[in-house]
C-alpha atoms as a PDB file:
ATOM      1  CA  MET A   1      35.488  95.676   3.938  1.00  0.00           C
ATOM      2  CA  GLU A   2      36.239  96.647   7.478  1.00  0.00           C
ATOM      3  CA  THR A   3      39.739  97.304   8.754  1.00  0.00           C
ATOM      4  CA  GLN A   4      41.493  94.295  10.278  1.00  0.00           C
ATOM      5  CA  THR A   5      44.630  94.438  12.374  1.00  0.00           C
ATOM      6  CA  LEU A   6      47.224  91.687  12.390  1.00  0.00           C
ATOM      7  CA  ALA A   7      48.374  90.421  15.738  1.00  0.00           C
ATOM      8  CA  PRO A   8      52.093  90.942  16.356  1.00  0.00           C
ATOM      9  CA  ALA A   9      54.347  88.024  15.423  1.00  0.00           C
ATOM     10  CA  GLN A  10      51.435  86.067  13.939  1.00  0.00           C
ATOM     11  CA  THR A  11      52.097  82.328  13.827  1.00  0.00           C
ATOM     12  CA  THR A  12      51.092  80.472  10.707  1.00  0.00           C
ATOM     13  CA  GLN A  13      48.518  77.783  11.372  1.00  0.00           C
ATOM     14  CA  LEU A  14      48.070  74.547   9.498  1.00  0.00           C
ATOM     15  CA  PRO A  15      44.703  74.084   7.794  1.00  0.00           C
ATOM     16  CA  GLN A  16      41.898  73.227  10.190  1.00  0.00           C
ATOM     17  CA  VAL A  17      43.978  73.212  13.404  1.00  0.00           C
ATOM     18  CA  GLN A  18      41.552  75.767  14.841  1.00  0.00           C
ATOM     19  CA  GLU A  19      38.557  73.822  13.533  1.00  0.00           C
ATOM     20  CA  PRO A  20      37.454  70.210  13.908  1.00  0.00           C
ATOM     21  CA  ARG A  21      38.967  68.435  10.934  1.00  0.00           C
ATOM     22  CA  SER A  22      36.318  67.175   8.553  1.00  0.00           C
ATOM     23  CA  PRO A  23      36.315  63.377   8.171  1.00  0.00           C
ATOM     24  CA  GLY A  24      34.278  63.713   4.996  1.00  0.00           C
ATOM     25  CA  CYS A  25      30.901  62.044   4.688  1.00  0.00           C
ATOM     26  CA  ALA A  26      29.096  59.416   2.669  1.00  0.00           C
ATOM     27  CA  LEU A  27      28.677  60.183  -1.018  1.00  0.00           C
ATOM     28  CA  ASP A  28      25.248  61.775  -1.425  1.00  0.00           C
ATOM     29  CA  LEU A  29      24.453  61.674  -5.135  1.00  0.00           C
ATOM     30  CA  ASP A  30      21.134  63.446  -4.674  1.00  0.00           C
ATOM     31  CA  TRP A  31      22.997  66.381  -3.146  1.00  0.00           C
ATOM     32  CA  VAL A  32      25.663  66.297  -5.847  1.00  0.00           C
ATOM     33  CA  MET A  33      23.205  66.160  -8.739  1.00  0.00           C
ATOM     34  CA  SER A  34      21.094  68.958  -7.259  1.00  0.00           C
ATOM     35  CA  ALA A  35      24.053  71.352  -7.546  1.00  0.00           C
ATOM     36  CA  GLN A  36      23.484  73.788 -10.404  1.00  0.00           C
ATOM     37  CA  ALA A  37      25.197  76.949 -11.663  1.00  0.00           C
ATOM     38  CA  ASN A  38      23.475  79.909 -13.328  1.00  0.00           C
ATOM     39  CA  THR A  39      26.414  81.072 -15.425  1.00  0.00           C
ATOM     40  CA  SER A  40      25.054  84.472 -16.433  1.00  0.00           C
ATOM     41  CA  ALA A  41      24.056  85.356 -12.851  1.00  0.00           C
ATOM     42  CA  ILE A  42      27.407  84.167 -11.511  1.00  0.00           C
ATOM     43  CA  GLU A  43      29.313  86.236 -14.066  1.00  0.00           C
ATOM     44  CA  ARG A  44      27.222  89.344 -13.276  1.00  0.00           C
ATOM     45  CA  ARG A  45      27.932  88.946  -9.567  1.00  0.00           C
ATOM     46  CA  ALA A  46      31.655  88.463 -10.194  1.00  0.00           C
ATOM     47  CA  LYS A  47      31.865  91.590 -12.363  1.00  0.00           C
ATOM     48  CA  THR A  48      30.575  93.787  -9.552  1.00  0.00           C
ATOM     49  CA  LEU A  49      33.428  92.978  -7.183  1.00  0.00           C
ATOM     50  CA  PRO A  50      36.532  94.791  -8.552  1.00  0.00           C
ATOM     51  CA  GLY A  51      34.819  98.172  -8.896  1.00  0.00           C
ATOM     52  CA  ARG A  52      32.453  98.035  -5.954  1.00  0.00           C
ATOM     53  CA  ARG A  53      34.827  96.899  -3.231  1.00  0.00           C
ATOM     54  CA  SER A  54      38.057  98.833  -2.699  1.00  0.00           C
ATOM     55  CA  VAL A  55      40.110  99.903   0.287  1.00  0.00           C
ATOM     56  CA  LYS A  56      42.638 102.728   0.446  1.00  0.00           C
ATOM     57  CA  LYS A  57      45.615 103.989   2.419  1.00  0.00           C
ATOM     58  CA  ASP A  58      46.154 102.417   5.863  1.00  0.00           C
ATOM     59  CA  HIS A  59      43.206 100.073   5.396  1.00  0.00           C
ATOM     60  CA  GLN A  60      44.687  98.793   2.160  1.00  0.00           C
ATOM     61  CA  ALA A  61      48.087  98.243   3.758  1.00  0.00           C
ATOM     62  CA  ALA A  62      46.486  96.236   6.576  1.00  0.00           C
ATOM     63  CA  TRP A  63      44.627  94.005   4.147  1.00  0.00           C
ATOM     64  CA  LEU A  64      47.736  93.468   2.022  1.00  0.00           C
ATOM     65  CA  LEU A  65      49.726  92.440   5.082  1.00  0.00           C
ATOM     66  CA  LYS A  66      46.959  90.003   5.902  1.00  0.00           C
ATOM     67  CA  ALA A  67      47.056  88.631   2.362  1.00  0.00           C
ATOM     68  CA  ILE A  68      50.770  87.860   2.720  1.00  0.00           C
ATOM     69  CA  THR A  69      50.088  85.575   5.689  1.00  0.00           C
ATOM     70  CA  MET A  70      47.745  83.567   3.451  1.00  0.00           C
ATOM     71  CA  ILE A  71      50.104  83.013   0.503  1.00  0.00           C
ATOM     72  CA  ASP A  72      51.352  79.533  -0.351  1.00  0.00           C
ATOM     73  CA  LEU A  73      54.645  80.769  -1.810  1.00  0.00           C
ATOM     74  CA  THR A  74      55.245  78.440  -4.705  1.00  0.00           C
ATOM     75  CA  THR A  75      57.911  77.236  -7.101  1.00  0.00           C
ATOM     76  CA  LEU A  76      56.850  74.477  -9.486  1.00  0.00           C
ATOM     77  CA  SER A  77      59.218  74.807 -12.427  1.00  0.00           C
ATOM     78  CA  GLY A  78      61.095  72.153 -14.315  1.00  0.00           C
ATOM     79  CA  ASP A  79      64.345  73.997 -13.600  1.00  0.00           C
ATOM     80  CA  ASP A  80      63.867  74.195  -9.812  1.00  0.00           C
ATOM     81  CA  THR A  81      67.077  73.724  -7.840  1.00  0.00           C
ATOM     82  CA  TRP A  82      67.753  73.163  -4.157  1.00  0.00           C
ATOM     83  CA  GLU A  83      69.263  76.640  -3.886  1.00  0.00           C
ATOM     84  CA  ARG A  84      66.193  78.244  -5.453  1.00  0.00           C
ATOM     85  CA  VAL A  85      64.001  76.489  -2.900  1.00  0.00           C
ATOM     86  CA  ARG A  86      66.241  77.663  -0.043  1.00  0.00           C
ATOM     87  CA  ARG A  87      65.967  81.262  -1.288  1.00  0.00           C
ATOM     88  CA  LEU A  88      62.205  80.911  -1.551  1.00  0.00           C
ATOM     89  CA  CYS A  89      62.059  79.630   2.020  1.00  0.00           C
ATOM     90  CA  ALA A  90      64.156  82.574   3.207  1.00  0.00           C
ATOM     91  CA  LYS A  91      61.699  84.917   1.491  1.00  0.00           C
ATOM     92  CA  GLY A  92      58.804  83.058   3.108  1.00  0.00           C
ATOM     93  CA  ARG A  93      60.337  83.642   6.541  1.00  0.00           C
ATOM     94  CA  ALA A  94      60.748  87.378   5.860  1.00  0.00           C
ATOM     95  CA  PRO A  95      58.375  88.295   3.014  1.00  0.00           C
ATOM     96  CA  VAL A  96      58.542  92.068   3.562  1.00  0.00           C
ATOM     97  CA  ARG A  97      61.713  94.101   4.054  1.00  0.00           C
ATOM     98  CA  ALA A  98      62.351  95.072   7.666  1.00  0.00           C
ATOM     99  CA  GLU A  99      62.354  98.838   7.040  1.00  0.00           C
ATOM    100  CA  ILE A 100      58.888  98.661   5.434  1.00  0.00           C
ATOM    101  CA  LEU A 101      57.474  96.696   8.363  1.00  0.00           C
ATOM    102  CA  GLU A 102      59.086  99.122  10.806  1.00  0.00           C
ATOM    103  CA  ALA A 103      57.482 102.074   9.039  1.00  0.00           C
ATOM    104  CA  LEU A 104      54.127 100.296   9.242  1.00  0.00           C
ATOM    105  CA  GLY A 105      54.573  99.540  12.942  1.00  0.00           C
ATOM    106  CA  MET A 106      54.516  95.790  12.317  1.00  0.00           C
ATOM    107  CA  ASP A 107      56.518  92.916  13.717  1.00  0.00           C
ATOM    108  CA  GLN A 108      57.786  90.204  11.386  1.00  0.00           C
ATOM    109  CA  ILE A 109      55.174  88.140   9.559  1.00  0.00           C
ATOM    110  CA  SER A 110      55.501  85.023   7.402  1.00  0.00           C
ATOM    111  CA  VAL A 111      53.703  83.421   4.473  1.00  0.00           C
ATOM    112  CA  GLY A 112      51.147  80.649   4.898  1.00  0.00           C
ATOM    113  CA  ALA A 113      53.280  77.825   3.455  1.00  0.00           C
ATOM    114  CA  ILE A 114      55.996  76.958   0.964  1.00  0.00           C
ATOM    115  CA  CYS A 115      54.744  74.792  -1.911  1.00  0.00           C
ATOM    116  CA  VAL A 116      57.209  72.628  -3.871  1.00  0.00           C
ATOM    117  CA  TYR A 117      57.558  69.394  -5.815  1.00  0.00           C
ATOM    118  CA  HIS A 118      58.104  66.195  -3.830  1.00  0.00           C
ATOM    119  CA  ASP A 119      61.818  66.115  -4.675  1.00  0.00           C
ATOM    120  CA  MET A 120      62.310  69.438  -2.880  1.00  0.00           C
ATOM    121  CA  VAL A 121      60.336  68.675   0.298  1.00  0.00           C
ATOM    122  CA  GLU A 122      63.299  67.707   2.474  1.00  0.00           C
ATOM    123  CA  THR A 123      65.238  70.809   1.406  1.00  0.00           C
ATOM    124  CA  ALA A 124      62.282  73.056   2.243  1.00  0.00           C
ATOM    125  CA  VAL A 125      61.651  71.369   5.601  1.00  0.00           C
ATOM    126  CA  GLU A 126      65.299  71.899   6.560  1.00  0.00           C
ATOM    127  CA  ALA A 127      65.277  75.540   5.423  1.00  0.00           C
ATOM    128  CA  LEU A 128      62.087  76.288   7.380  1.00  0.00           C
ATOM    129  CA  ALA A 129      63.085  74.546  10.621  1.00  0.00           C
ATOM    130  CA  GLY A 130      61.817  76.484  13.650  1.00  0.00           C
ATOM    131  CA  SER A 131      59.772  78.949  11.582  1.00  0.00           C
ATOM    132  CA  GLY A 132      56.332  77.394  12.017  1.00  0.00           C
ATOM    133  CA  ILE A 133      55.826  77.587   8.248  1.00  0.00           C
ATOM    134  CA  PRO A 134      54.517  74.288   6.832  1.00  0.00           C
ATOM    135  CA  VAL A 135      55.749  72.684   3.624  1.00  0.00           C
ATOM    136  CA  ALA A 136      53.135  71.770   1.018  1.00  0.00           C
ATOM    137  CA  ALA A 137      53.972  69.185  -1.631  1.00  0.00           C
ATOM    138  CA  VAL A 138      52.194  68.781  -4.962  1.00  0.00           C
ATOM    139  CA  SER A 139      51.658  65.064  -5.405  1.00  0.00           C
ATOM    140  CA  THR A 140      49.582  62.511  -7.326  1.00  0.00           C
ATOM    141  CA  GLY A 141      51.188  62.948 -10.730  1.00  0.00           C
ATOM    142  CA  PHE A 142      50.961  66.748 -10.711  1.00  0.00           C
ATOM    143  CA  PRO A 143      49.807  68.485 -12.871  1.00  0.00           C
ATOM    144  CA  ALA A 144      47.933  66.000 -15.104  1.00  0.00           C
ATOM    145  CA  GLY A 145      47.135  63.429 -12.411  1.00  0.00           C
ATOM    146  CA  LEU A 146      47.172  60.609 -14.956  1.00  0.00           C
ATOM    147  CA  SER A 147      49.686  58.216 -13.408  1.00  0.00           C
ATOM    148  CA  PRO A 148      48.320  54.958 -11.926  1.00  0.00           C
ATOM    149  CA  LEU A 149      46.443  55.467  -8.669  1.00  0.00           C
ATOM    150  CA  GLU A 150      48.795  53.159  -6.768  1.00  0.00           C
ATOM    151  CA  LEU A 151      51.766  55.314  -7.757  1.00  0.00           C
ATOM    152  CA  ARG A 152      49.934  58.514  -6.857  1.00  0.00           C
ATOM    153  CA  LEU A 153      49.168  57.163  -3.386  1.00  0.00           C
ATOM    154  CA  LYS A 154      52.798  56.132  -2.882  1.00  0.00           C
ATOM    155  CA  GLU A 155      53.902  59.623  -3.895  1.00  0.00           C
ATOM    156  CA  ILE A 156      51.650  61.109  -1.205  1.00  0.00           C
ATOM    157  CA  GLU A 157      53.073  58.738   1.409  1.00  0.00           C
ATOM    158  CA  ALA A 158      56.634  59.588   0.367  1.00  0.00           C
ATOM    159  CA  SER A 159      55.989  63.334   0.625  1.00  0.00           C
ATOM    160  CA  VAL A 160      54.472  62.939   4.099  1.00  0.00           C
ATOM    161  CA  LYS A 161      57.435  60.806   5.173  1.00  0.00           C
ATOM    162  CA  ALA A 162      59.796  63.528   3.888  1.00  0.00           C
ATOM    163  CA  GLY A 163      58.109  66.073   6.160  1.00  0.00           C
ATOM    164  CA  ALA A 164      55.329  67.661   4.108  1.00  0.00           C
ATOM    165  CA  GLN A 165      52.500  68.818   6.380  1.00  0.00           C
ATOM    166  CA  GLU A 166      50.164  69.646   3.514  1.00  0.00           C
ATOM    167  CA  ILE A 167      49.558  67.692   0.306  1.00  0.00           C
ATOM    168  CA  ASP A 168      48.087  69.307  -2.809  1.00  0.00           C
ATOM    169  CA  ILE A 169      46.523  66.401  -4.715  1.00  0.00           C
ATOM    170  CA  VAL A 170      45.142  66.496  -8.272  1.00  0.00           C
ATOM    171  CA  ILE A 171      41.786  64.922  -9.049  1.00  0.00           C
ATOM    172  CA  SER A 172      41.172  62.882 -12.204  1.00  0.00           C
ATOM    173  CA  ARG A 173      39.305  65.269 -14.490  1.00  0.00           C
ATOM    174  CA  ARG A 174      37.920  62.361 -16.531  1.00  0.00           C
ATOM    175  CA  HIS A 175      35.743  61.291 -13.583  1.00  0.00           C
ATOM    176  CA  VAL A 176      34.069  64.715 -13.618  1.00  0.00           C
ATOM    177  CA  LEU A 177      33.734  64.920 -17.395  1.00  0.00           C
ATOM    178  CA  THR A 178      32.109  61.477 -17.550  1.00  0.00           C
ATOM    179  CA  GLY A 179      29.956  62.017 -14.446  1.00  0.00           C
ATOM    180  CA  ASN A 180      31.588  59.142 -12.568  1.00  0.00           C
ATOM    181  CA  TRP A 181      31.130  60.697  -9.120  1.00  0.00           C
ATOM    182  CA  GLN A 182      31.610  57.409  -7.288  1.00  0.00           C
ATOM    183  CA  ALA A 183      35.073  56.982  -8.827  1.00  0.00           C
ATOM    184  CA  LEU A 184      36.012  60.559  -7.909  1.00  0.00           C
ATOM    185  CA  TYR A 185      34.779  60.031  -4.344  1.00  0.00           C
ATOM    186  CA  ASP A 186      36.656  56.727  -3.949  1.00  0.00           C
ATOM    187  CA  GLU A 187      39.854  58.275  -5.331  1.00  0.00           C
ATOM    188  CA  THR A 188      39.610  61.274  -3.004  1.00  0.00           C
ATOM    189  CA  GLN A 189      38.982  59.045   0.004  1.00  0.00           C
ATOM    190  CA  ALA A 190      42.039  56.907  -0.824  1.00  0.00           C
ATOM    191  CA  MET A 191      44.218  60.001  -1.151  1.00  0.00           C
ATOM    192  CA  ARG A 192      42.940  61.405   2.145  1.00  0.00           C
ATOM    193  CA  ALA A 193      43.816  58.106   3.842  1.00  0.00           C
ATOM    194  CA  ALA A 194      47.324  58.230   2.327  1.00  0.00           C
ATOM    195  CA  CYS A 195      47.793  61.778   3.680  1.00  0.00           C
ATOM    196  CA  GLY A 196      47.284  60.639   7.275  1.00  0.00           C
ATOM    197  CA  GLU A 197      47.836  63.622   9.566  1.00  0.00           C
ATOM    198  CA  ALA A 198      48.948  65.836   6.668  1.00  0.00           C
ATOM    199  CA  HIS A 199      46.189  68.089   5.390  1.00  0.00           C
ATOM    200  CA  MET A 200      44.886  67.574   1.879  1.00  0.00           C
ATOM    201  CA  LYS A 201      44.124  70.278  -0.680  1.00  0.00           C
ATOM    202  CA  ALA A 202      42.139  68.885  -3.621  1.00  0.00           C
ATOM    203  CA  ILE A 203      43.050  70.593  -6.911  1.00  0.00           C
ATOM    204  CA  LEU A 204      40.029  70.531  -9.218  1.00  0.00           C
ATOM    205  CA  ALA A 205      41.746  71.985 -12.320  1.00  0.00           C
ATOM    206  CA  THR A 206      38.562  73.959 -12.944  1.00  0.00           C
ATOM    207  CA  GLY A 207      39.690  75.229 -16.345  1.00  0.00           C
ATOM    208  CA  GLU A 208      39.418  71.669 -17.642  1.00  0.00           C
ATOM    209  CA  LEU A 209      36.064  70.657 -16.110  1.00  0.00           C
ATOM    210  CA  GLY A 210      33.871  71.983 -18.908  1.00  0.00           C
ATOM    211  CA  SER A 211      31.231  73.934 -16.964  1.00  0.00           C
ATOM    212  CA  LEU A 212      30.561  75.779 -13.726  1.00  0.00           C
ATOM    213  CA  ARG A 213      28.010  73.107 -12.829  1.00  0.00           C
ATOM    214  CA  ASN A 214      30.778  70.505 -12.987  1.00  0.00           C
ATOM    215  CA  VAL A 215      32.896  72.752 -10.759  1.00  0.00           C
ATOM    216  CA  ALA A 216      30.103  72.867  -8.165  1.00  0.00           C
ATOM    217  CA  ARG A 217      29.600  69.108  -8.216  1.00  0.00           C
ATOM    218  CA  ALA A 218      33.316  68.283  -8.121  1.00  0.00           C
ATOM    219  CA  SER A 219      33.727  70.649  -5.161  1.00  0.00           C
ATOM    220  CA  LEU A 220      31.047  68.816  -3.201  1.00  0.00           C
ATOM    221  CA  VAL A 221      32.416  65.364  -3.993  1.00  0.00           C
ATOM    222  CA  ALA A 222      35.955  66.384  -3.007  1.00  0.00           C
ATOM    223  CA  MET A 223      34.667  67.650   0.344  1.00  0.00           C
ATOM    224  CA  MET A 224      32.586  64.510   0.884  1.00  0.00           C
ATOM    225  CA  GLY A 225      35.764  62.531   0.222  1.00  0.00           C
ATOM    226  CA  GLY A 226      37.606  64.316   3.024  1.00  0.00           C
ATOM    227  CA  ALA A 227      39.413  67.273   1.433  1.00  0.00           C
ATOM    228  CA  ASP A 228      40.612  69.868   3.961  1.00  0.00           C
ATOM    229  CA  PHE A 229      40.816  72.486   1.182  1.00  0.00           C
ATOM    230  CA  ILE A 230      39.488  72.731  -2.341  1.00  0.00           C
ATOM    231  CA  LYS A 231      41.791  74.471  -4.803  1.00  0.00           C
ATOM    232  CA  THR A 232      41.021  75.893  -8.240  1.00  0.00           C
ATOM    233  CA  SER A 233      43.996  74.982 -10.373  1.00  0.00           C
ATOM    234  CA  THR A 234      47.455  73.551 -10.772  1.00  0.00           C
ATOM    235  CA  GLY A 235      48.561  76.817 -12.370  1.00  0.00           C
ATOM    236  CA  LYS A 236      49.456  74.870 -15.506  1.00  0.00           C
ATOM    237  CA  GLU A 237      46.042  75.003 -17.223  1.00  0.00           C
ATOM    238  CA  SER A 238      45.191  77.574 -19.881  1.00  0.00           C
ATOM    239  CA  VAL A 239      42.523  79.005 -17.522  1.00  0.00           C
ATOM    240  CA  ASN A 240      43.243  79.066 -13.813  1.00  0.00           C
ATOM    241  CA  ALA A 241      41.609  80.940 -10.915  1.00  0.00           C
ATOM    242  CA  THR A 242      38.748  83.233 -11.933  1.00  0.00           C
ATOM    243  CA  LEU A 243      36.131  85.088  -9.898  1.00  0.00           C
ATOM    244  CA  PRO A 244      33.149  83.146 -11.366  1.00  0.00           C
ATOM    245  CA  VAL A 245      34.804  79.806 -10.561  1.00  0.00           C
ATOM    246  CA  SER A 246      35.697  81.079  -7.106  1.00  0.00           C
ATOM    247  CA  LEU A 247      32.109  82.141  -6.449  1.00  0.00           C
ATOM    248  CA  VAL A 248      30.845  78.658  -7.359  1.00  0.00           C
ATOM    249  CA  MET A 249      33.411  76.915  -5.149  1.00  0.00           C
ATOM    250  CA  ILE A 250      32.863  79.306  -2.243  1.00  0.00           C
ATOM    251  CA  ARG A 251      29.124  78.699  -2.300  1.00  0.00           C
ATOM    252  CA  ALA A 252      29.769  74.948  -2.307  1.00  0.00           C
ATOM    253  CA  LEU A 253      31.918  75.501   0.806  1.00  0.00           C
ATOM    254  CA  ARG A 254      29.077  77.397   2.445  1.00  0.00           C
ATOM    255  CA  ASP A 255      26.566  74.693   1.538  1.00  0.00           C
ATOM    256  CA  PHE A 256      28.844  71.985   2.953  1.00  0.00           C
ATOM    257  CA  HIS A 257      29.292  73.912   6.193  1.00  0.00           C
ATOM    258  CA  ASP A 258      25.554  74.517   6.519  1.00  0.00           C
ATOM    259  CA  ARG A 259      24.810  70.814   6.115  1.00  0.00           C
ATOM    260  CA  THR A 260      27.682  69.193   8.010  1.00  0.00           C
ATOM    261  CA  GLY A 261      29.008  71.856  10.402  1.00  0.00           C
ATOM    262  CA  TYR A 262      32.554  71.536   9.020  1.00  0.00           C
ATOM    263  CA  ARG A 263      34.445  74.470   7.521  1.00  0.00           C
ATOM    264  CA  ILE A 264      36.602  73.548   4.525  1.00  0.00           C
ATOM    265  CA  GLY A 265      39.356  75.819   3.225  1.00  0.00           C
ATOM    266  CA  TYR A 266      39.639  77.495  -0.163  1.00  0.00           C
ATOM    267  CA  LYS A 267      42.718  78.109  -2.319  1.00  0.00           C
ATOM    268  CA  PRO A 268      42.587  80.027  -5.610  1.00  0.00           C
ATOM    269  CA  ALA A 269      45.761  79.410  -7.598  1.00  0.00           C
ATOM    270  CA  GLY A 270      47.195  80.490 -10.919  1.00  0.00           C
ATOM    271  CA  GLY A 271      47.012  83.938 -12.472  1.00  0.00           C
ATOM    272  CA  ILE A 272      46.727  85.942  -9.241  1.00  0.00           C
ATOM    273  CA  SER A 273      49.742  88.198  -9.498  1.00  0.00           C
ATOM    274  CA  LYS A 274      48.579  91.716  -8.548  1.00  0.00           C
ATOM    275  CA  ALA A 275      47.871  93.177  -5.118  1.00  0.00           C
ATOM    276  CA  LYS A 276      44.540  94.601  -6.319  1.00  0.00           C
ATOM    277  CA  ASP A 277      43.448  91.090  -7.357  1.00  0.00           C
ATOM    278  CA  ALA A 278      44.270  89.768  -3.894  1.00  0.00           C
ATOM    279  CA  LEU A 279      42.083  92.473  -2.353  1.00  0.00           C
ATOM    280  CA  THR A 280      39.204  91.486  -4.634  1.00  0.00           C
ATOM    281  CA  TYR A 281      39.444  87.850  -3.581  1.00  0.00           C
ATOM    282  CA  LEU A 282      39.534  88.820   0.085  1.00  0.00           C
ATOM    283  CA  ALA A 283      36.412  90.939  -0.424  1.00  0.00           C
ATOM    284  CA  LEU A 284      34.674  87.995  -2.078  1.00  0.00           C
ATOM    285  CA  ILE A 285      35.550  85.674   0.808  1.00  0.00           C
ATOM    286  CA  LYS A 286      34.380  88.171   3.405  1.00  0.00           C
ATOM    287  CA  GLU A 287      31.067  88.825   1.668  1.00  0.00           C
ATOM    288  CA  GLU A 288      30.243  85.188   0.900  1.00  0.00           C
ATOM    289  CA  LEU A 289      31.737  83.286   3.846  1.00  0.00           C
ATOM    290  CA  GLY A 290      32.447  85.829   6.571  1.00  0.00           C
ATOM    291  CA  THR A 291      35.480  86.934   8.531  1.00  0.00           C
ATOM    292  CA  ARG A 292      36.267  83.478   9.963  1.00  0.00           C
ATOM    293  CA  TRP A 293      37.439  82.272   6.549  1.00  0.00           C
ATOM    294  CA  LEU A 294      39.948  85.148   6.312  1.00  0.00           C
ATOM    295  CA  SER A 295      42.650  83.168   8.093  1.00  0.00           C
ATOM    296  CA  PRO A 296      45.523  80.946   6.924  1.00  0.00           C
ATOM    297  CA  ASP A 297      43.797  77.820   8.228  1.00  0.00           C
ATOM    298  CA  LEU A 298      40.869  78.379   5.837  1.00  0.00           C
ATOM    299  CA  PHE A 299      42.166  80.504   2.966  1.00  0.00           C
ATOM    300  CA  ARG A 300      45.346  80.511   0.878  1.00  0.00           C
ATOM    301  CA  PHE A 301      46.549  82.082  -2.343  1.00  0.00           C
ATOM    302  CA  GLY A 302      48.598  79.779  -4.561  1.00  0.00           C
ATOM    303  CA  ALA A 303      51.076  82.304  -5.915  1.00  0.00           C
ATOM    304  CA  SER A 304      54.643  83.457  -6.376  1.00  0.00           C
ATOM    305  CA  SER A 305      54.808  86.836  -8.141  1.00  0.00           C
ATOM    306  CA  LEU A 306      51.865  88.104  -6.060  1.00  0.00           C
ATOM    307  CA  LEU A 307      54.146  88.606  -3.070  1.00  0.00           C
ATOM    308  CA  GLY A 308      56.492  90.868  -5.040  1.00  0.00           C
ATOM    309  CA  ASP A 309      53.658  93.150  -6.133  1.00  0.00           C
ATOM    310  CA  ILE A 310      52.222  93.355  -2.610  1.00  0.00           C
ATOM    311  CA  GLU A 311      55.612  94.323  -1.205  1.00  0.00           C
ATOM    312  CA  ARG A 312      55.949  96.953  -3.933  1.00  0.00           C
ATOM    313  CA  GLN A 313      52.552  98.429  -3.023  1.00  0.00           C
ATOM    314  CA  LEU A 314      53.474  98.493   0.659  1.00  0.00           C
ATOM    315  CA  GLU A 315      56.703 100.351  -0.132  1.00  0.00           C
ATOM    316  CA  HIS A 316      54.686 102.871  -2.137  1.00  0.00           C
ATOM    317  CA  HIS A 317      52.347 103.315   0.833  1.00  0.00           C
ATOM    318  CA  VAL A 318      55.317 104.053   3.089  1.00  0.00           C
ATOM    319  CA  THR A 319      57.446 106.193   0.757  1.00  0.00           C
ATOM    320  CA  GLY A 320      54.977 107.591  -1.782  1.00  0.00           C
ATOM    321  CA  ARG A 321      57.134 106.237  -4.625  1.00  0.00           C
ATOM    322  CA  TYR A 322      56.903 103.121  -6.776  1.00  0.00           C
ATOM    323  CA  SER A 323      60.083 101.121  -6.995  1.00  0.00           C
ATOM    324  CA  ALA A 324      61.174  98.842  -9.820  1.00  0.00           C
ATOM    325  CA  GLY A 325      59.771  95.327  -9.724  1.00  0.00           C
ATOM    326  CA  TYR A 326      63.227  93.748  -9.568  1.00  0.00           C
ATOM    327  CA  ARG A 327      63.696  95.242  -6.087  1.00  0.00           C
ATOM    328  CA  HIS A 328      61.090  92.800  -4.801  1.00  0.00           C
ATOM    329  CA  GLY A 329      62.363  89.477  -6.056  1.00  0.00           C
ATOM    330  CA  LEU A 330      61.541  86.193  -4.360  1.00  0.00           C
ATOM    331  CA  GLY A 331      65.107  85.412  -3.379  1.00  0.00           C
END
């Protein structure tokens, strides 16, 4: 990984605003059914990443700062309150303490987005006013996605009306497990239409799709249906983001770009809580997709505790000492 330098006072960009937004394409079942996944080869490739790609010292600090700008800072708990969301938004505006940034020679940065339930969208929009940070809402019967389609579409429309600029939708896993690709395509298209100008991240819930081949095929269908991003997980499954799943989805992104010319974003979510894991994912993106995808408009981490560990590592880089985790709370 080569060293990358953040521009001062970087402004968060919505997905695809620097790229032509993909309108999707017609469902191509020949393309979908040709997608395969060699599980053993994929797992071997994934195992090489953590040990073979590492960065140290100033280079590591630069990459960790970059990772922060690509975090969808998230709270999706049953006990969420308006005050918790306001604190999260304040942390999103200033994710790293001022004295650490000063020691690193950096101006203020911000996270990629704040991700909340629909009921908290208006609170988050108000708290983020003037920051340039978009609000992402999880909609469509999150996390199971089993409510009637009509209700899921109305939930999307309500979140957009409340001010959400990004919508994280949940696909129906049953369509993948039964091979009903037409139903999955039609559902994704309807959700994209309901999003309007808001950008749509399609959550595949990969831990519940049964096989890596199903992950590859679902990724393609979601992109054909108009997804601006494909996302691994809701964070509520027993298995969330993994490197093998990420490799399959990333190669589907590359295939889609090669065939259509449109770049679609990627969001691993769930279980990414350590700074070293973030660096591994960034290395994977760079090797498989190239530097262009290492930007908030094409890559996001769905995370909460990840930010605290990154800030802790940055403080260690500056001071040479590790501080207690509680010093880096989210609000």
